[in-house]
């Protein structure tokens, strides 16, 4: 069994990000309604939200916030590209 991971990510606008997954799918996800809990509070500021990087096969922010790639995959309307 292969583990799912994010291969590429690009900021779009607001809290939307385009993601490319290791299973050959890609799509846009809006995380605006997924920012629950103290760790995600800083991400409500779009300038801070834009500071994500790809680390450990998923999106990560400077404060340590991240989402499991499987969770992001489930939220993303998929477009098969492979």
N, C-alpha and C. Protein backbone atom coordinates (compact mmCIF):
# COMPACT_ATOMS: atom_id res chain seq x y z
N UNK A 1 0.84 -1.18 0.00
CA UNK A 1 0.00 0.00 0.00
C UNK A 1 0.88 1.25 0.00
N UNK A 2 0.61 2.14 -0.92
CA UNK A 2 1.35 3.39 -0.99
C UNK A 2 0.65 4.44 -0.14
N UNK A 3 1.47 5.27 0.50
CA UNK A 3 0.92 6.37 1.27
C UNK A 3 0.68 7.56 0.35
N UNK A 4 -0.44 8.21 0.54
CA UNK A 4 -0.80 9.38 -0.25
C UNK A 4 0.00 10.58 0.24
N UNK A 5 0.51 11.36 -0.70
CA UNK A 5 1.17 12.60 -0.31
C UNK A 5 0.94 13.67 -1.37
N UNK A 6 1.21 14.89 -0.99
CA UNK A 6 1.04 16.02 -1.90
C UNK A 6 2.38 16.27 -2.59
N UNK A 7 2.34 16.32 -3.92
CA UNK A 7 3.55 16.53 -4.70
C UNK A 7 3.78 18.00 -5.06
N UNK A 8 2.69 18.76 -5.14
CA UNK A 8 2.82 20.17 -5.50
C UNK A 8 1.61 20.92 -4.94
N UNK A 9 1.81 22.19 -4.65
CA UNK A 9 0.73 23.03 -4.13
C UNK A 9 0.97 24.46 -4.56
N UNK A 10 -0.11 25.15 -4.92
CA UNK A 10 -0.02 26.56 -5.30
C UNK A 10 -1.15 27.32 -4.64
N UNK A 11 -0.81 28.46 -4.07
CA UNK A 11 -1.83 29.34 -3.49
C UNK A 11 -2.67 29.94 -4.60
N UNK A 12 -3.98 29.98 -4.42
CA UNK A 12 -4.87 30.59 -5.41
C UNK A 12 -5.38 31.94 -4.92
N UNK A 13 -6.23 31.94 -3.92
CA UNK A 13 -6.75 33.18 -3.32
C UNK A 13 -7.49 32.81 -2.05
N UNK A 14 -7.74 33.81 -1.21
CA UNK A 14 -8.45 33.55 0.03
C UNK A 14 -7.79 32.42 0.81
N UNK A 15 -8.52 31.34 1.00
CA UNK A 15 -8.00 30.14 1.65
C UNK A 15 -8.03 28.95 0.70
N UNK A 16 -7.93 29.26 -0.61
CA UNK A 16 -7.96 28.21 -1.63
C UNK A 16 -6.55 27.88 -2.10
N UNK A 17 -6.33 26.58 -2.27
CA UNK A 17 -5.03 26.06 -2.72
C UNK A 17 -5.29 25.00 -3.78
N UNK A 18 -4.44 25.00 -4.82
CA UNK A 18 -4.45 23.92 -5.80
C UNK A 18 -3.45 22.88 -5.32
N UNK A 19 -3.87 21.60 -5.34
CA UNK A 19 -3.02 20.51 -4.85
C UNK A 19 -2.87 19.43 -5.91
N UNK A 20 -1.67 18.88 -6.01
CA UNK A 20 -1.42 17.71 -6.86
C UNK A 20 -1.00 16.58 -5.93
N UNK A 21 -1.70 15.45 -6.04
CA UNK A 21 -1.47 14.31 -5.17
C UNK A 21 -0.67 13.21 -5.87
N UNK A 22 -0.07 12.37 -5.06
CA UNK A 22 0.79 11.29 -5.58
C UNK A 22 0.01 10.21 -6.33
N UNK A 23 -1.32 10.21 -6.21
CA UNK A 23 -2.12 9.22 -6.96
C UNK A 23 -2.50 9.72 -8.35
N UNK A 24 -1.95 10.88 -8.76
CA UNK A 24 -2.20 11.41 -10.09
C UNK A 24 -3.39 12.35 -10.18
N UNK A 25 -4.04 12.63 -9.06
CA UNK A 25 -5.16 13.55 -9.08
C UNK A 25 -4.71 14.93 -8.64
N UNK A 26 -5.49 15.92 -9.03
CA UNK A 26 -5.25 17.27 -8.56
C UNK A 26 -6.57 18.01 -8.49
N UNK A 27 -6.57 19.12 -7.80
CA UNK A 27 -7.79 19.92 -7.68
C UNK A 27 -7.59 21.04 -6.69
N UNK A 28 -8.64 21.84 -6.56
CA UNK A 28 -8.62 22.99 -5.67
C UNK A 28 -9.37 22.66 -4.39
N UNK A 29 -8.85 23.15 -3.28
CA UNK A 29 -9.53 22.98 -2.00
C UNK A 29 -9.62 24.33 -1.31
N UNK A 30 -10.78 24.60 -0.71
CA UNK A 30 -10.97 25.82 0.07
C UNK A 30 -10.97 25.41 1.54
N UNK A 31 -9.97 25.85 2.28
CA UNK A 31 -9.81 25.45 3.68
C UNK A 31 -10.43 26.45 4.66
N UNK A 32 -11.14 27.44 4.16
CA UNK A 32 -11.71 28.48 5.02
C UNK A 32 -12.54 27.89 6.16
N UNK A 33 -13.35 26.89 5.89
CA UNK A 33 -14.22 26.31 6.92
C UNK A 33 -13.56 25.16 7.68
N UNK A 34 -12.28 24.92 7.45
CA UNK A 34 -11.56 23.81 8.11
C UNK A 34 -10.60 24.32 9.18
N UNK A 35 -10.61 25.61 9.45
CA UNK A 35 -9.62 26.21 10.35
C UNK A 35 -10.16 26.29 11.79
N UNK A 36 -10.49 25.13 12.35
CA UNK A 36 -11.00 25.05 13.71
C UNK A 36 -9.88 24.73 14.69
N UNK A 37 -9.91 25.36 15.85
CA UNK A 37 -8.93 25.07 16.89
C UNK A 37 -7.83 26.11 16.93
N UNK A 38 -7.19 26.22 18.09
CA UNK A 38 -6.17 27.26 18.30
C UNK A 38 -4.99 27.20 17.33
N UNK A 39 -4.57 26.01 16.93
CA UNK A 39 -3.41 25.89 16.03
C UNK A 39 -3.71 26.52 14.67
N UNK A 40 -4.99 26.54 14.29
CA UNK A 40 -5.37 27.08 12.98
C UNK A 40 -5.78 28.55 13.01
N UNK A 41 -5.91 29.15 14.20
CA UNK A 41 -6.31 30.56 14.30
C UNK A 41 -5.45 31.49 13.45
N UNK A 42 -4.11 31.39 13.48
CA UNK A 42 -3.29 32.30 12.67
C UNK A 42 -3.56 32.16 11.16
N UNK A 43 -4.01 30.99 10.72
CA UNK A 43 -4.24 30.75 9.29
C UNK A 43 -5.47 31.48 8.76
N UNK A 44 -6.29 31.99 9.65
CA UNK A 44 -7.46 32.77 9.21
C UNK A 44 -7.03 34.06 8.51
N UNK A 45 -5.85 34.56 8.88
CA UNK A 45 -5.25 35.71 8.20
C UNK A 45 -4.66 35.20 6.89
N UNK A 46 -5.18 35.68 5.76
CA UNK A 46 -4.74 35.13 4.47
C UNK A 46 -3.26 35.36 4.21
N UNK A 47 -2.70 36.44 4.75
CA UNK A 47 -1.26 36.67 4.56
C UNK A 47 -0.46 35.56 5.25
N UNK A 48 -0.90 35.14 6.41
CA UNK A 48 -0.24 34.03 7.11
C UNK A 48 -0.53 32.72 6.40
N UNK A 49 -1.75 32.54 5.95
CA UNK A 49 -2.15 31.31 5.25
C UNK A 49 -1.24 31.05 4.04
N UNK A 50 -0.88 32.12 3.33
CA UNK A 50 -0.04 32.01 2.13
C UNK A 50 1.35 31.47 2.43
N UNK A 51 1.76 31.44 3.69
CA UNK A 51 3.12 31.05 4.05
C UNK A 51 3.32 29.54 4.15
N UNK A 52 2.37 28.75 3.64
CA UNK A 52 2.53 27.29 3.73
C UNK A 52 3.71 26.81 2.89
N UNK A 53 4.24 25.70 3.29
CA UNK A 53 5.27 25.00 2.52
C UNK A 53 4.88 23.53 2.45
N UNK A 54 5.53 22.79 1.57
CA UNK A 54 5.35 21.34 1.52
C UNK A 54 6.42 20.71 2.38
N UNK A 55 5.99 20.03 3.42
CA UNK A 55 6.92 19.39 4.34
C UNK A 55 6.26 18.12 4.86
N UNK A 56 7.00 17.03 4.86
CA UNK A 56 6.43 15.78 5.34
C UNK A 56 5.26 15.30 4.50
N UNK A 57 5.28 15.60 3.21
CA UNK A 57 4.25 15.16 2.25
C UNK A 57 2.92 15.87 2.41
N UNK A 58 2.88 17.03 3.06
CA UNK A 58 1.63 17.78 3.19
C UNK A 58 1.90 19.26 3.35
N UNK A 59 0.84 20.06 3.42
CA UNK A 59 0.97 21.49 3.67
C UNK A 59 1.29 21.72 5.13
N UNK A 60 2.26 22.59 5.38
CA UNK A 60 2.66 22.92 6.74
C UNK A 60 2.84 24.44 6.84
N UNK A 61 2.47 24.99 7.99
CA UNK A 61 2.63 26.42 8.24
C UNK A 61 3.70 26.65 9.30
N UNK A 62 4.24 27.88 9.38
CA UNK A 62 5.33 28.16 10.32
C UNK A 62 5.02 27.86 11.79
N UNK A 63 3.76 27.89 12.18
CA UNK A 63 3.40 27.62 13.57
C UNK A 63 3.22 26.13 13.86
N UNK A 64 3.47 25.27 12.86
CA UNK A 64 3.34 23.83 13.05
C UNK A 64 2.01 23.26 12.61
N UNK A 65 1.08 24.10 12.21
CA UNK A 65 -0.22 23.62 11.73
C UNK A 65 -0.02 22.83 10.43
N UNK A 66 -0.79 21.77 10.28
CA UNK A 66 -0.80 21.01 9.03
C UNK A 66 -2.09 20.21 8.94
N UNK A 67 -2.32 19.64 7.78
CA UNK A 67 -3.45 18.76 7.53
C UNK A 67 -2.92 17.46 6.98
N UNK A 68 -3.52 16.35 7.37
CA UNK A 68 -3.13 15.06 6.80
C UNK A 68 -3.43 15.08 5.30
N UNK A 69 -2.52 14.54 4.48
CA UNK A 69 -2.76 14.53 3.04
C UNK A 69 -4.06 13.81 2.68
N UNK A 70 -4.40 12.77 3.42
CA UNK A 70 -5.63 12.02 3.14
C UNK A 70 -6.86 12.90 3.38
N UNK A 71 -6.79 13.75 4.39
CA UNK A 71 -7.89 14.67 4.70
C UNK A 71 -8.04 15.68 3.57
N UNK A 72 -6.93 16.26 3.13
CA UNK A 72 -6.97 17.22 2.03
C UNK A 72 -7.48 16.56 0.76
N UNK A 73 -7.07 15.34 0.52
CA UNK A 73 -7.52 14.59 -0.66
C UNK A 73 -9.04 14.43 -0.62
N UNK A 74 -9.58 14.09 0.54
CA UNK A 74 -11.02 13.90 0.68
C UNK A 74 -11.80 15.20 0.46
N UNK A 75 -11.19 16.34 0.76
CA UNK A 75 -11.84 17.64 0.60
C UNK A 75 -11.76 18.17 -0.82
N UNK A 76 -10.87 17.62 -1.63
CA UNK A 76 -10.56 18.17 -2.94
C UNK A 76 -11.35 17.48 -4.03
N UNK A 77 -12.19 18.26 -4.76
CA UNK A 77 -12.83 17.68 -5.95
C UNK A 77 -11.72 17.24 -6.91
N UNK A 78 -11.71 15.98 -7.28
CA UNK A 78 -10.58 15.41 -8.00
C UNK A 78 -10.70 15.49 -9.51
N UNK A 79 -9.56 15.74 -10.13
CA UNK A 79 -9.42 15.68 -11.58
C UNK A 79 -8.28 14.70 -11.85
N UNK A 80 -8.57 13.62 -12.53
CA UNK A 80 -7.54 12.62 -12.82
C UNK A 80 -6.64 13.14 -13.92
N UNK A 81 -5.33 13.21 -13.64
CA UNK A 81 -4.38 13.72 -14.63
C UNK A 81 -3.39 12.67 -15.10
N UNK A 82 -3.34 11.54 -14.43
CA UNK A 82 -2.37 10.51 -14.81
C UNK A 82 -3.00 9.51 -15.76
